[in-house]
Amino acid sequence: MRARVAELSKQLIASGRASDQCQLLMSIPGIGVVTASSFIAAIEDPANFAKSRSVGAWIGLTTRRYQSGEVDYAGHISRRGDNHLRSLLYEAAMVILTRTAAESALRIWGMKLREKIGFKRAAIAVARKLAVIMHTMLKTGELFNRSPDIAAARRATK
């Protein structure tokens, strides 16, 4: 059983290295072969979504709302969509917030959010933003830019 798992892992890594889309997504810190492959398999064609912002909602990383009359309640995340992909994006967000040493505007934004709303909610927000960034990267074909306005993001946290 272990030998079969090792063989399948090697095949997954080899297919990830051969795929240009996987290589593109793995330029994001915290995103590995499994997360990149799962995202590509779930999204299939980036043209399926008109806006990158709708990908987060499709995965289930938006707040569930209850509105009736004068009541407007924002609850926990909706948990619709692909459970496996949502958990992988959440894990990647946790890695960005806790283990990644490289500074990026996404990490700085997440750390600022962590101070305001707490760690778990900030991780969900970073996961949603990751989904939006990954979809945009697949559409445009550009690598992840770690430093768009890092200086501005640092000033905003102070």
C-alpha atoms as a PDB file:
ATOM      1  CA  MET A   1       0.000   0.000   0.000  1.00  0.00           C
ATOM      2  CA  ARG A   2       2.825   2.399   0.913  1.00  0.00           C
ATOM      3  CA  ALA A   3       4.642   1.587  -2.302  1.00  0.00           C
ATOM      4  CA  ARG A   4       1.499   2.404  -4.310  1.00  0.00           C
ATOM      5  CA  VAL A   5       1.050   5.716  -2.447  1.00  0.00           C
ATOM      6  CA  ALA A   6       4.687   6.629  -3.114  1.00  0.00           C
ATOM      7  CA  GLU A   7       4.259   5.779  -6.793  1.00  0.00           C
ATOM      8  CA  LEU A   8       1.111   7.902  -7.092  1.00  0.00           C
ATOM      9  CA  SER A   9       2.845  10.785  -5.299  1.00  0.00           C
ATOM     10  CA  LYS A  10       5.711  10.639  -7.775  1.00  0.00           C
ATOM     11  CA  GLN A  11       3.246  10.648 -10.674  1.00  0.00           C
ATOM     12  CA  LEU A  12       1.431  13.670  -9.223  1.00  0.00           C
ATOM     13  CA  ILE A  13       4.670  15.596  -8.761  1.00  0.00           C
ATOM     14  CA  ALA A  14       5.810  14.696 -12.283  1.00  0.00           C
ATOM     15  CA  SER A  15       2.505  15.820 -13.807  1.00  0.00           C
ATOM     16  CA  GLY A  16       2.629  19.032 -11.759  1.00  0.00           C
ATOM     17  CA  ARG A  17       6.125  19.815 -12.993  1.00  0.00           C
ATOM     18  CA  ALA A  18       5.069  19.133 -16.574  1.00  0.00           C
ATOM     19  CA  SER A  19       2.011  21.406 -16.386  1.00  0.00           C
ATOM     20  CA  ASP A  20       2.579  25.091 -17.091  1.00  0.00           C
ATOM     21  CA  GLN A  21      -0.556  26.023 -15.141  1.00  0.00           C
ATOM     22  CA  CYS A  22       0.647  24.119 -12.066  1.00  0.00           C
ATOM     23  CA  GLN A  23       4.054  25.763 -12.265  1.00  0.00           C
ATOM     24  CA  LEU A  24       2.358  29.136 -12.513  1.00  0.00           C
ATOM     25  CA  LEU A  25       0.235  28.551  -9.404  1.00  0.00           C
ATOM     26  CA  MET A  26       3.122  27.061  -7.443  1.00  0.00           C
ATOM     27  CA  SER A  27       4.920  30.417  -7.669  1.00  0.00           C
ATOM     28  CA  ILE A  28       2.636  31.476  -4.791  1.00  0.00           C
ATOM     29  CA  PRO A  29       4.207  30.707  -1.399  1.00  0.00           C
ATOM     30  CA  GLY A  30       2.201  28.021   0.386  1.00  0.00           C
ATOM     31  CA  ILE A  31       0.809  26.475  -2.805  1.00  0.00           C
ATOM     32  CA  GLY A  32       2.155  23.045  -3.661  1.00  0.00           C
ATOM     33  CA  VAL A  33       1.503  20.439  -6.305  1.00  0.00           C
ATOM     34  CA  VAL A  34      -1.632  19.034  -4.666  1.00  0.00           C
ATOM     35  CA  THR A  35      -3.310  22.419  -4.161  1.00  0.00           C
ATOM     36  CA  ALA A  36      -2.398  23.656  -7.637  1.00  0.00           C
ATOM     37  CA  SER A  37      -3.589  20.448  -9.306  1.00  0.00           C
ATOM     38  CA  SER A  38      -6.823  20.416  -7.310  1.00  0.00           C
ATOM     39  CA  PHE A  39      -7.549  24.053  -8.164  1.00  0.00           C
ATOM     40  CA  ILE A  40      -6.949  23.474 -11.866  1.00  0.00           C
ATOM     41  CA  ALA A  41      -9.095  20.324 -11.848  1.00  0.00           C
ATOM     42  CA  ALA A  42     -11.948  22.061 -10.009  1.00  0.00           C
ATOM     43  CA  ILE A  43     -11.936  25.242 -12.106  1.00  0.00           C
ATOM     44  CA  GLU A  44     -11.290  23.389 -15.397  1.00  0.00           C
ATOM     45  CA  ASP A  45     -11.474  26.441 -17.675  1.00  0.00           C
ATOM     46  CA  PRO A  46     -10.815  29.908 -16.198  1.00  0.00           C
ATOM     47  CA  ALA A  47     -13.239  31.353 -18.747  1.00  0.00           C
ATOM     48  CA  ASN A  48     -16.085  29.610 -16.891  1.00  0.00           C
ATOM     49  CA  PHE A  49     -16.059  32.524 -14.436  1.00  0.00           C
ATOM     50  CA  ALA A  50     -16.653  36.044 -15.718  1.00  0.00           C
ATOM     51  CA  LYS A  51     -15.100  37.603 -12.605  1.00  0.00           C
ATOM     52  CA  SER A  52     -12.324  36.204 -10.473  1.00  0.00           C
ATOM     53  CA  ARG A  53     -14.207  37.372  -7.371  1.00  0.00           C
ATOM     54  CA  SER A  54     -16.940  34.804  -8.014  1.00  0.00           C
ATOM     55  CA  VAL A  55     -14.497  31.886  -7.618  1.00  0.00           C
ATOM     56  CA  GLY A  56     -14.343  32.356  -3.839  1.00  0.00           C
ATOM     57  CA  ALA A  57     -18.118  32.206  -3.606  1.00  0.00           C
ATOM     58  CA  TRP A  58     -18.245  29.129  -5.848  1.00  0.00           C
ATOM     59  CA  ILE A  59     -15.806  27.313  -3.550  1.00  0.00           C
ATOM     60  CA  GLY A  60     -17.815  28.336  -0.484  1.00  0.00           C
ATOM     61  CA  LEU A  61     -15.498  30.894   1.091  1.00  0.00           C
ATOM     62  CA  THR A  62     -18.059  33.668   1.507  1.00  0.00           C
ATOM     63  CA  THR A  63     -20.161  34.505   4.511  1.00  0.00           C
ATOM     64  CA  ARG A  64     -23.629  33.062   4.702  1.00  0.00           C
ATOM     65  CA  ARG A  65     -26.276  35.761   5.034  1.00  0.00           C
ATOM     66  CA  TYR A  66     -29.723  35.744   6.518  1.00  0.00           C
ATOM     67  CA  GLN A  67     -31.878  38.717   5.572  1.00  0.00           C
ATOM     68  CA  SER A  68     -35.513  39.099   6.487  1.00  0.00           C
ATOM     69  CA  GLY A  69     -37.219  42.408   7.088  1.00  0.00           C
ATOM     70  CA  GLU A  70     -34.997  44.397   9.434  1.00  0.00           C
ATOM     71  CA  VAL A  71     -32.737  41.437  10.229  1.00  0.00           C
ATOM     72  CA  ASP A  72     -29.412  41.231   8.433  1.00  0.00           C
ATOM     73  CA  TYR A  73     -27.170  38.520   9.861  1.00  0.00           C
ATOM     74  CA  ALA A  74     -23.763  37.570   8.451  1.00  0.00           C
ATOM     75  CA  GLY A  75     -22.867  34.094   9.677  1.00  0.00           C
ATOM     76  CA  HIS A  76     -20.088  31.610   9.075  1.00  0.00           C
ATOM     77  CA  ILE A  77     -18.822  30.654   5.622  1.00  0.00           C
ATOM     78  CA  SER A  78     -21.381  29.076   3.323  1.00  0.00           C
ATOM     79  CA  ARG A  79     -19.400  25.834   2.778  1.00  0.00           C
ATOM     80  CA  ARG A  80     -20.836  25.303  -0.668  1.00  0.00           C
ATOM     81  CA  GLY A  81     -18.763  23.886  -3.476  1.00  0.00           C
ATOM     82  CA  ASP A  82     -15.718  21.641  -3.358  1.00  0.00           C
ATOM     83  CA  ASN A  83     -14.887  20.657   0.250  1.00  0.00           C
ATOM     84  CA  HIS A  84     -11.440  19.317  -0.611  1.00  0.00           C
ATOM     85  CA  LEU A  85     -10.363  22.431  -2.518  1.00  0.00           C
ATOM     86  CA  ARG A  86     -11.711  24.690   0.234  1.00  0.00           C
ATOM     87  CA  SER A  87      -9.699  22.822   2.872  1.00  0.00           C
ATOM     88  CA  LEU A  88      -6.554  22.943   0.712  1.00  0.00           C
ATOM     89  CA  LEU A  89      -6.904  26.705   0.225  1.00  0.00           C
ATOM     90  CA  TYR A  90      -7.461  27.143   3.960  1.00  0.00           C
ATOM     91  CA  GLU A  91      -4.287  25.142   4.674  1.00  0.00           C
ATOM     92  CA  ALA A  92      -2.352  27.251   2.169  1.00  0.00           C
ATOM     93  CA  ALA A  93      -3.632  30.406   3.869  1.00  0.00           C
ATOM     94  CA  MET A  94      -2.507  29.026   7.241  1.00  0.00           C
ATOM     95  CA  VAL A  95       0.958  28.399   5.789  1.00  0.00           C
ATOM     96  CA  ILE A  96       1.102  31.953   4.434  1.00  0.00           C
ATOM     97  CA  LEU A  97       0.108  33.404   7.803  1.00  0.00           C
ATOM     98  CA  THR A  98       2.295  31.191   9.997  1.00  0.00           C
ATOM     99  CA  ARG A  99       5.211  29.523   8.214  1.00  0.00           C
ATOM    100  CA  THR A 100       6.123  31.627   5.202  1.00  0.00           C
ATOM    101  CA  ALA A 101       9.179  33.782   5.833  1.00  0.00           C
ATOM    102  CA  ALA A 102       8.951  35.669   2.539  1.00  0.00           C
ATOM    103  CA  GLU A 103       7.032  38.913   2.827  1.00  0.00           C
ATOM    104  CA  SER A 104       4.254  39.552   0.375  1.00  0.00           C
ATOM    105  CA  ALA A 105       1.414  42.025   0.191  1.00  0.00           C
ATOM    106  CA  LEU A 106      -0.997  39.113   0.759  1.00  0.00           C
ATOM    107  CA  ARG A 107       0.775  38.055   3.972  1.00  0.00           C
ATOM    108  CA  ILE A 108       0.945  41.618   5.297  1.00  0.00           C
ATOM    109  CA  TRP A 109      -2.761  42.095   4.547  1.00  0.00           C
ATOM    110  CA  GLY A 110      -3.585  38.812   6.286  1.00  0.00           C
ATOM    111  CA  MET A 111      -1.535  39.685   9.364  1.00  0.00           C
ATOM    112  CA  LYS A 112      -3.250  43.064   9.625  1.00  0.00           C
ATOM    113  CA  LEU A 113      -6.619  41.346   9.325  1.00  0.00           C
ATOM    114  CA  ARG A 114      -5.555  38.806  11.958  1.00  0.00           C
ATOM    115  CA  GLU A 115      -5.114  41.588  14.506  1.00  0.00           C
ATOM    116  CA  LYS A 116      -8.592  42.950  13.770  1.00  0.00           C
ATOM    117  CA  ILE A 117     -10.827  39.890  13.430  1.00  0.00           C
ATOM    118  CA  GLY A 118      -8.848  36.921  14.718  1.00  0.00           C
ATOM    119  CA  PHE A 119      -6.704  34.191  13.232  1.00  0.00           C
ATOM    120  CA  LYS A 120      -9.298  31.794  11.831  1.00  0.00           C
ATOM    121  CA  ARG A 121     -11.387  34.462  10.132  1.00  0.00           C
ATOM    122  CA  ALA A 122      -8.264  36.050   8.696  1.00  0.00           C
ATOM    123  CA  ALA A 123      -7.170  32.657   7.338  1.00  0.00           C
ATOM    124  CA  ILE A 124     -10.534  32.242   5.596  1.00  0.00           C
ATOM    125  CA  ALA A 125     -10.230  35.731   4.108  1.00  0.00           C
ATOM    126  CA  VAL A 126      -6.710  34.954   2.877  1.00  0.00           C
ATOM    127  CA  ALA A 127      -7.955  31.642   1.413  1.00  0.00           C
ATOM    128  CA  ARG A 128     -10.688  33.482  -0.481  1.00  0.00           C
ATOM    129  CA  LYS A 129      -8.204  36.041  -1.745  1.00  0.00           C
ATOM    130  CA  LEU A 130      -5.884  33.191  -2.765  1.00  0.00           C
ATOM    131  CA  ALA A 131      -8.670  31.702  -4.896  1.00  0.00           C
ATOM    132  CA  VAL A 132      -9.195  35.072  -6.590  1.00  0.00           C
ATOM    133  CA  ILE A 133      -5.457  35.524  -7.193  1.00  0.00           C
ATOM    134  CA  MET A 134      -5.053  31.983  -8.520  1.00  0.00           C
ATOM    135  CA  HIS A 135      -7.946  32.410 -10.962  1.00  0.00           C
ATOM    136  CA  THR A 136      -6.539  35.729 -12.166  1.00  0.00           C
ATOM    137  CA  MET A 137      -3.123  34.135 -12.638  1.00  0.00           C
ATOM    138  CA  LEU A 138      -4.650  31.354 -14.748  1.00  0.00           C
ATOM    139  CA  LYS A 139      -6.480  33.927 -16.883  1.00  0.00           C
ATOM    140  CA  THR A 140      -3.512  36.241 -17.425  1.00  0.00           C
ATOM    141  CA  GLY A 141      -0.631  33.758 -17.296  1.00  0.00           C
ATOM    142  CA  GLU A 142       1.415  36.029 -15.002  1.00  0.00           C
ATOM    143  CA  LEU A 143       3.544  34.780 -12.112  1.00  0.00           C
ATOM    144  CA  PHE A 144       2.724  35.706  -8.515  1.00  0.00           C
ATOM    145  CA  ASN A 145       4.097  39.135  -7.654  1.00  0.00           C
ATOM    146  CA  ARG A 146       5.108  39.149  -4.007  1.00  0.00           C
ATOM    147  CA  SER A 147       5.763  42.839  -3.782  1.00  0.00           C
ATOM    148  CA  PRO A 148       2.971  44.947  -5.223  1.00  0.00           C
ATOM    149  CA  ASP A 149       3.118  47.923  -2.908  1.00  0.00           C
ATOM    150  CA  ILE A 150       4.684  46.112   0.054  1.00  0.00           C
ATOM    151  CA  ALA A 151       5.879  49.457   1.324  1.00  0.00           C
ATOM    152  CA  ALA A 152       2.317  50.784   1.188  1.00  0.00           C
ATOM    153  CA  ALA A 153       1.004  47.679   2.938  1.00  0.00           C
ATOM    154  CA  ARG A 154       3.576  48.076   5.727  1.00  0.00           C
ATOM    155  CA  ARG A 155       2.611  51.728   6.171  1.00  0.00           C
ATOM    156  CA  ALA A 156      -1.048  50.710   6.412  1.00  0.00           C
ATOM    157  CA  THR A 157      -0.277  48.283   9.266  1.00  0.00           C
ATOM    158  CA  LYS A 158       1.517  50.913  11.334  1.00  0.00           C
END
